[in-house]
N, C-alpha and C. Protein backbone atom coordinates (compact mmCIF):
# COMPACT_ATOMS: atom_id res chain seq x y z
N MET A 1 33.54 -24.64 -117.18
CA MET A 1 32.11 -24.84 -117.27
C MET A 1 31.67 -26.08 -116.49
N LYS A 2 32.45 -27.16 -116.61
CA LYS A 2 32.12 -28.38 -115.88
C LYS A 2 32.18 -28.13 -114.37
N PHE A 3 33.14 -27.30 -113.98
CA PHE A 3 33.30 -26.99 -112.56
C PHE A 3 32.07 -26.25 -112.02
N VAL A 4 31.55 -25.29 -112.80
CA VAL A 4 30.37 -24.53 -112.40
C VAL A 4 29.16 -25.47 -112.30
N PHE A 5 29.01 -26.37 -113.28
CA PHE A 5 27.92 -27.34 -113.26
C PHE A 5 28.04 -28.25 -112.04
N PHE A 6 29.27 -28.66 -111.71
CA PHE A 6 29.52 -29.51 -110.54
C PHE A 6 29.11 -28.78 -109.25
N LEU A 7 29.50 -27.51 -109.14
CA LEU A 7 29.14 -26.73 -107.94
C LEU A 7 27.62 -26.56 -107.83
N PHE A 8 26.97 -26.27 -108.96
CA PHE A 8 25.52 -26.12 -108.97
C PHE A 8 24.84 -27.41 -108.51
N THR A 9 25.30 -28.54 -109.03
CA THR A 9 24.74 -29.84 -108.65
C THR A 9 24.98 -30.12 -107.17
N LEU A 10 26.16 -29.79 -106.70
CA LEU A 10 26.50 -29.99 -105.29
C LEU A 10 25.57 -29.17 -104.38
N PHE A 11 25.35 -27.90 -104.74
CA PHE A 11 24.44 -27.06 -103.94
C PHE A 11 23.01 -27.58 -103.99
N LEU A 12 22.59 -28.05 -105.15
CA LEU A 12 21.24 -28.59 -105.30
C LEU A 12 21.05 -29.82 -104.42
N ILE A 13 22.01 -30.72 -104.42
CA ILE A 13 21.94 -31.93 -103.60
C ILE A 13 21.94 -31.60 -102.12
N SER A 14 22.81 -30.67 -101.73
CA SER A 14 22.89 -30.32 -100.30
C SER A 14 21.59 -29.65 -99.85
N GLY A 15 20.94 -28.87 -100.73
CA GLY A 15 19.66 -28.26 -100.40
C GLY A 15 18.59 -29.30 -100.17
N CYS A 16 18.57 -30.34 -101.00
CA CYS A 16 17.58 -31.42 -100.84
C CYS A 16 17.81 -32.17 -99.53
N LYS A 17 19.07 -32.40 -99.20
CA LYS A 17 19.39 -33.09 -97.95
C LYS A 17 18.94 -32.26 -96.76
N ALA A 18 19.14 -30.94 -96.85
CA ALA A 18 18.75 -30.06 -95.76
C ALA A 18 17.24 -30.10 -95.56
N GLU A 19 16.47 -30.13 -96.67
CA GLU A 19 15.01 -30.18 -96.58
C GLU A 19 14.55 -31.48 -95.93
N SER A 20 15.11 -32.61 -96.35
CA SER A 20 14.71 -33.89 -95.75
C SER A 20 15.15 -33.95 -94.30
N SER A 21 16.24 -33.30 -93.99
CA SER A 21 16.73 -33.22 -92.62
C SER A 21 15.74 -32.42 -91.76
N LYS A 22 15.22 -31.34 -92.32
CA LYS A 22 14.25 -30.51 -91.60
C LYS A 22 12.96 -31.29 -91.35
N ILE A 23 12.50 -32.06 -92.34
CA ILE A 23 11.29 -32.86 -92.18
C ILE A 23 11.48 -33.89 -91.07
N ALA A 24 12.65 -34.55 -91.06
CA ALA A 24 12.95 -35.53 -90.02
C ALA A 24 13.00 -34.86 -88.65
N TYR A 25 13.59 -33.64 -88.59
CA TYR A 25 13.65 -32.90 -87.33
C TYR A 25 12.24 -32.54 -86.85
N ASP A 26 11.38 -32.07 -87.79
CA ASP A 26 10.01 -31.71 -87.41
C ASP A 26 9.24 -32.91 -86.88
N GLN A 27 9.42 -34.09 -87.51
CA GLN A 27 8.76 -35.31 -87.04
C GLN A 27 9.25 -35.67 -85.65
N LYS A 28 10.57 -35.55 -85.44
CA LYS A 28 11.15 -35.86 -84.13
C LYS A 28 10.61 -34.89 -83.07
N LYS A 29 10.51 -33.62 -83.43
CA LYS A 29 9.99 -32.62 -82.51
C LYS A 29 8.52 -32.91 -82.18
N GLN A 30 7.74 -33.29 -83.21
CA GLN A 30 6.33 -33.63 -83.00
C GLN A 30 6.21 -34.82 -82.06
N CYS A 31 7.06 -35.84 -82.27
CA CYS A 31 7.02 -37.02 -81.40
C CYS A 31 7.37 -36.65 -79.96
N LYS A 32 8.33 -35.75 -79.80
CA LYS A 32 8.71 -35.31 -78.46
C LYS A 32 7.53 -34.59 -77.79
N ASN A 33 6.85 -33.74 -78.55
CA ASN A 33 5.68 -33.05 -78.01
C ASN A 33 4.58 -34.04 -77.64
N ASP A 34 4.38 -35.05 -78.50
CA ASP A 34 3.37 -36.07 -78.21
C ASP A 34 3.71 -36.82 -76.93
N LEU A 35 4.99 -37.15 -76.76
CA LEU A 35 5.42 -37.86 -75.56
C LEU A 35 5.16 -37.01 -74.32
N MET A 36 5.44 -35.72 -74.41
CA MET A 36 5.19 -34.83 -73.28
C MET A 36 3.69 -34.75 -72.98
N LEU A 37 2.87 -34.76 -74.02
CA LEU A 37 1.42 -34.71 -73.83
C LEU A 37 0.92 -35.99 -73.18
N ILE A 38 1.44 -37.13 -73.63
CA ILE A 38 1.06 -38.41 -73.02
C ILE A 38 1.48 -38.43 -71.56
N ALA A 39 2.69 -37.96 -71.29
CA ALA A 39 3.21 -37.96 -69.92
C ALA A 39 2.43 -37.01 -69.02
N SER A 40 1.83 -35.97 -69.61
CA SER A 40 1.12 -35.00 -68.78
C SER A 40 -0.40 -35.17 -68.85
N LYS A 41 -0.87 -36.37 -69.18
CA LYS A 41 -2.32 -36.60 -69.25
C LYS A 41 -3.00 -36.37 -67.90
N ASN A 42 -2.25 -36.48 -66.83
CA ASN A 42 -2.81 -36.25 -65.51
C ASN A 42 -2.69 -34.78 -65.12
N PHE A 43 -2.75 -33.91 -66.11
CA PHE A 43 -2.63 -32.47 -65.91
C PHE A 43 -3.71 -32.00 -64.93
N ASP A 44 -3.32 -31.20 -63.98
CA ASP A 44 -4.24 -30.72 -62.96
C ASP A 44 -5.01 -29.50 -63.49
N PHE A 45 -6.22 -29.73 -63.98
CA PHE A 45 -7.03 -28.64 -64.50
C PHE A 45 -7.62 -27.79 -63.40
N ASN A 46 -7.54 -28.24 -62.15
CA ASN A 46 -8.05 -27.44 -61.03
C ASN A 46 -7.22 -26.17 -60.84
N GLY A 47 -5.95 -26.22 -61.25
CA GLY A 47 -5.07 -25.07 -61.07
C GLY A 47 -5.18 -24.04 -62.17
N ILE A 48 -6.05 -24.26 -63.15
CA ILE A 48 -6.17 -23.33 -64.27
C ILE A 48 -7.09 -22.18 -63.89
N ASN A 49 -6.62 -20.99 -64.14
CA ASN A 49 -7.41 -19.80 -63.91
C ASN A 49 -8.45 -19.67 -65.02
N LYS A 50 -9.62 -19.19 -64.69
CA LYS A 50 -10.69 -19.03 -65.67
C LYS A 50 -10.25 -18.16 -66.85
N ASP A 51 -9.36 -17.22 -66.61
CA ASP A 51 -8.87 -16.33 -67.67
C ASP A 51 -7.94 -17.04 -68.65
N ASP A 52 -7.45 -18.23 -68.28
CA ASP A 52 -6.55 -18.98 -69.15
C ASP A 52 -7.30 -19.87 -70.15
N ILE A 53 -8.62 -19.86 -70.09
CA ILE A 53 -9.43 -20.68 -71.00
C ILE A 53 -10.16 -19.75 -71.96
N ILE A 54 -9.98 -20.01 -73.26
CA ILE A 54 -10.62 -19.19 -74.29
C ILE A 54 -11.54 -20.08 -75.11
N PHE A 55 -12.78 -19.67 -75.28
CA PHE A 55 -13.76 -20.42 -76.07
C PHE A 55 -13.98 -19.71 -77.40
N ASP A 56 -14.04 -20.50 -78.47
CA ASP A 56 -14.30 -19.97 -79.81
C ASP A 56 -15.60 -20.60 -80.31
N PHE A 57 -16.64 -19.79 -80.42
CA PHE A 57 -17.95 -20.28 -80.85
C PHE A 57 -18.25 -19.89 -82.30
N SER A 58 -17.22 -19.64 -83.10
CA SER A 58 -17.43 -19.13 -84.46
C SER A 58 -18.07 -20.14 -85.41
N GLU A 59 -17.95 -21.43 -85.12
CA GLU A 59 -18.57 -22.45 -85.96
C GLU A 59 -19.86 -22.93 -85.30
N LYS A 60 -20.86 -23.23 -86.12
CA LYS A 60 -22.19 -23.58 -85.60
C LYS A 60 -22.19 -24.85 -84.75
N ASP A 61 -21.58 -25.92 -85.25
CA ASP A 61 -21.66 -27.21 -84.57
C ASP A 61 -20.44 -27.55 -83.72
N PHE A 62 -19.48 -26.64 -83.65
CA PHE A 62 -18.24 -26.93 -82.93
C PHE A 62 -17.90 -25.80 -81.96
N ILE A 63 -17.27 -26.18 -80.87
CA ILE A 63 -16.70 -25.22 -79.93
C ILE A 63 -15.22 -25.54 -79.84
N LYS A 64 -14.38 -24.54 -79.98
CA LYS A 64 -12.94 -24.73 -79.82
C LYS A 64 -12.54 -24.15 -78.48
N ILE A 65 -11.71 -24.90 -77.77
CA ILE A 65 -11.27 -24.46 -76.44
C ILE A 65 -9.75 -24.40 -76.44
N PHE A 66 -9.21 -23.27 -76.04
CA PHE A 66 -7.78 -23.06 -75.91
C PHE A 66 -7.45 -22.97 -74.43
N VAL A 67 -6.49 -23.77 -73.98
CA VAL A 67 -6.10 -23.77 -72.57
C VAL A 67 -4.64 -23.40 -72.46
N LYS A 68 -4.36 -22.36 -71.72
CA LYS A 68 -2.98 -21.92 -71.50
C LYS A 68 -2.52 -22.46 -70.15
N SER A 69 -1.41 -23.18 -70.16
CA SER A 69 -0.90 -23.79 -68.94
C SER A 69 0.09 -22.86 -68.25
N LYS A 70 0.03 -22.82 -66.93
CA LYS A 70 0.99 -22.03 -66.17
C LYS A 70 1.89 -22.90 -65.30
N SER A 71 1.62 -24.21 -65.29
CA SER A 71 2.43 -25.09 -64.45
C SER A 71 2.66 -26.41 -65.16
N GLY A 72 3.50 -27.22 -64.58
CA GLY A 72 3.74 -28.55 -65.14
C GLY A 72 4.66 -28.52 -66.33
N VAL A 73 4.50 -29.49 -67.21
CA VAL A 73 5.40 -29.68 -68.35
C VAL A 73 5.35 -28.50 -69.30
N ASN A 74 4.18 -27.91 -69.47
CA ASN A 74 4.00 -26.85 -70.46
C ASN A 74 4.07 -25.47 -69.82
N ASN A 75 4.99 -25.26 -68.93
CA ASN A 75 5.11 -24.04 -68.18
C ASN A 75 5.13 -22.80 -69.08
N GLY A 76 4.11 -21.96 -68.93
CA GLY A 76 4.06 -20.72 -69.67
C GLY A 76 3.74 -20.86 -71.14
N ALA A 77 3.34 -22.04 -71.59
CA ALA A 77 3.06 -22.26 -73.00
C ALA A 77 1.62 -22.73 -73.18
N THR A 78 1.27 -22.95 -74.41
CA THR A 78 -0.07 -23.45 -74.72
C THR A 78 -0.18 -24.91 -74.34
N PHE A 79 -1.26 -25.27 -73.67
CA PHE A 79 -1.49 -26.69 -73.37
C PHE A 79 -2.11 -27.37 -74.57
N GLY A 80 -2.97 -26.69 -75.27
CA GLY A 80 -3.53 -27.28 -76.47
C GLY A 80 -4.86 -26.69 -76.88
N TRP A 81 -5.34 -27.16 -78.03
CA TRP A 81 -6.64 -26.79 -78.55
C TRP A 81 -7.51 -28.03 -78.58
N ILE A 82 -8.75 -27.89 -78.16
CA ILE A 82 -9.71 -29.00 -78.18
C ILE A 82 -10.92 -28.54 -78.99
N ARG A 83 -11.40 -29.41 -79.84
CA ARG A 83 -12.60 -29.10 -80.62
C ARG A 83 -13.72 -30.01 -80.14
N ILE A 84 -14.86 -29.43 -79.80
CA ILE A 84 -16.01 -30.19 -79.33
C ILE A 84 -17.03 -30.25 -80.46
N ASP A 85 -17.36 -31.45 -80.88
CA ASP A 85 -18.40 -31.66 -81.89
C ASP A 85 -19.72 -31.80 -81.15
N ARG A 86 -20.54 -30.76 -81.18
CA ARG A 86 -21.79 -30.77 -80.43
C ARG A 86 -22.81 -31.73 -81.02
N LYS A 87 -22.74 -31.94 -82.33
CA LYS A 87 -23.67 -32.86 -82.99
C LYS A 87 -23.45 -34.29 -82.54
N ASP A 88 -22.19 -34.75 -82.61
CA ASP A 88 -21.86 -36.14 -82.28
C ASP A 88 -21.37 -36.32 -80.85
N ASN A 89 -21.28 -35.22 -80.09
CA ASN A 89 -20.83 -35.26 -78.71
C ASN A 89 -19.46 -35.92 -78.57
N LYS A 90 -18.48 -35.44 -79.37
CA LYS A 90 -17.13 -35.99 -79.36
C LYS A 90 -16.11 -34.87 -79.17
N LEU A 91 -14.97 -35.24 -78.60
CA LEU A 91 -13.85 -34.32 -78.41
C LEU A 91 -12.73 -34.66 -79.38
N TYR A 92 -12.06 -33.62 -79.90
CA TYR A 92 -10.93 -33.82 -80.81
C TYR A 92 -9.77 -32.93 -80.40
N ASP A 93 -8.57 -33.46 -80.48
CA ASP A 93 -7.36 -32.69 -80.25
C ASP A 93 -6.97 -32.06 -81.58
N ILE A 94 -6.97 -30.72 -81.65
CA ILE A 94 -6.58 -30.02 -82.87
C ILE A 94 -5.36 -29.15 -82.63
N THR A 95 -4.58 -29.49 -81.62
CA THR A 95 -3.41 -28.70 -81.26
C THR A 95 -2.41 -28.62 -82.40
N TYR A 96 -2.15 -29.73 -83.07
CA TYR A 96 -1.11 -29.77 -84.10
C TYR A 96 -1.64 -29.54 -85.49
N ASP A 97 -2.88 -29.95 -85.76
CA ASP A 97 -3.41 -29.84 -87.12
C ASP A 97 -4.92 -29.77 -87.05
N GLU A 98 -5.46 -28.60 -87.33
CA GLU A 98 -6.91 -28.40 -87.22
C GLU A 98 -7.68 -29.18 -88.28
N GLU A 99 -7.07 -29.42 -89.43
CA GLU A 99 -7.75 -30.13 -90.51
C GLU A 99 -7.87 -31.63 -90.23
N ASN A 100 -6.88 -32.22 -89.55
CA ASN A 100 -6.88 -33.65 -89.24
C ASN A 100 -7.11 -33.84 -87.75
N ASN A 101 -8.37 -33.85 -87.37
CA ASN A 101 -8.73 -33.98 -85.95
C ASN A 101 -8.28 -35.31 -85.39
N ILE A 102 -7.78 -35.31 -84.17
CA ILE A 102 -7.40 -36.53 -83.47
C ILE A 102 -8.44 -36.76 -82.37
N PRO A 103 -9.24 -37.82 -82.49
CA PRO A 103 -10.21 -38.10 -81.42
C PRO A 103 -9.48 -38.25 -80.08
N MET A 104 -9.97 -37.60 -79.06
CA MET A 104 -9.28 -37.59 -77.77
C MET A 104 -9.15 -38.97 -77.16
N ASN A 105 -10.12 -39.84 -77.37
CA ASN A 105 -10.05 -41.16 -76.75
C ASN A 105 -9.11 -42.10 -77.48
N LEU A 106 -8.59 -41.72 -78.66
CA LEU A 106 -7.68 -42.58 -79.41
C LEU A 106 -6.22 -42.17 -79.26
N PHE A 107 -5.97 -41.01 -78.67
CA PHE A 107 -4.60 -40.54 -78.53
C PHE A 107 -3.98 -41.18 -77.29
N ASP A 108 -3.28 -42.29 -77.49
CA ASP A 108 -2.68 -42.97 -76.35
C ASP A 108 -1.29 -43.47 -76.71
N LYS A 109 -0.72 -44.28 -75.85
CA LYS A 109 0.65 -44.75 -76.06
C LYS A 109 0.79 -45.56 -77.33
N LYS A 110 -0.24 -46.30 -77.73
CA LYS A 110 -0.16 -47.10 -78.96
C LYS A 110 0.02 -46.21 -80.17
N ASP A 111 -0.70 -45.08 -80.21
CA ASP A 111 -0.55 -44.15 -81.33
C ASP A 111 0.85 -43.57 -81.38
N TYR A 112 1.39 -43.24 -80.23
CA TYR A 112 2.75 -42.70 -80.17
C TYR A 112 3.75 -43.73 -80.70
N ILE A 113 3.60 -44.98 -80.28
CA ILE A 113 4.51 -46.04 -80.73
C ILE A 113 4.40 -46.23 -82.24
N ARG A 114 3.18 -46.22 -82.77
CA ARG A 114 2.98 -46.40 -84.22
C ARG A 114 3.62 -45.26 -85.00
N LYS A 115 3.48 -44.02 -84.53
CA LYS A 115 4.00 -42.86 -85.25
C LYS A 115 5.48 -42.63 -85.06
N CYS A 116 5.98 -42.87 -83.88
CA CYS A 116 7.30 -42.35 -83.51
C CYS A 116 8.38 -43.39 -83.27
N LEU A 117 8.03 -44.65 -83.10
CA LEU A 117 9.07 -45.63 -82.82
C LEU A 117 9.26 -46.60 -83.96
């Protein structure tokens, strides 16, 4: 009986470690994505085809813009989502989390250092 309890406890502990490991991996992956975004701030929007831009007007005061990249760092993947606040005339990066908007003018190297280093 003690042996079974020991095995159960061992599996429980290893499961918790795996979960915290996954969270650390997700944070590391997010930081890597942020670094790539910072590095590609000089993205050439002139090369974007009109068909690669999708506008979402479903909200009254906001416009969401989806841009699909075909070149550069994000080859064949999503470049990101941008939310335009028409009332306050502000841009927000909602690529990673739509609920927690990141003002576009605040996403810079200092934010990356604070979050990831």
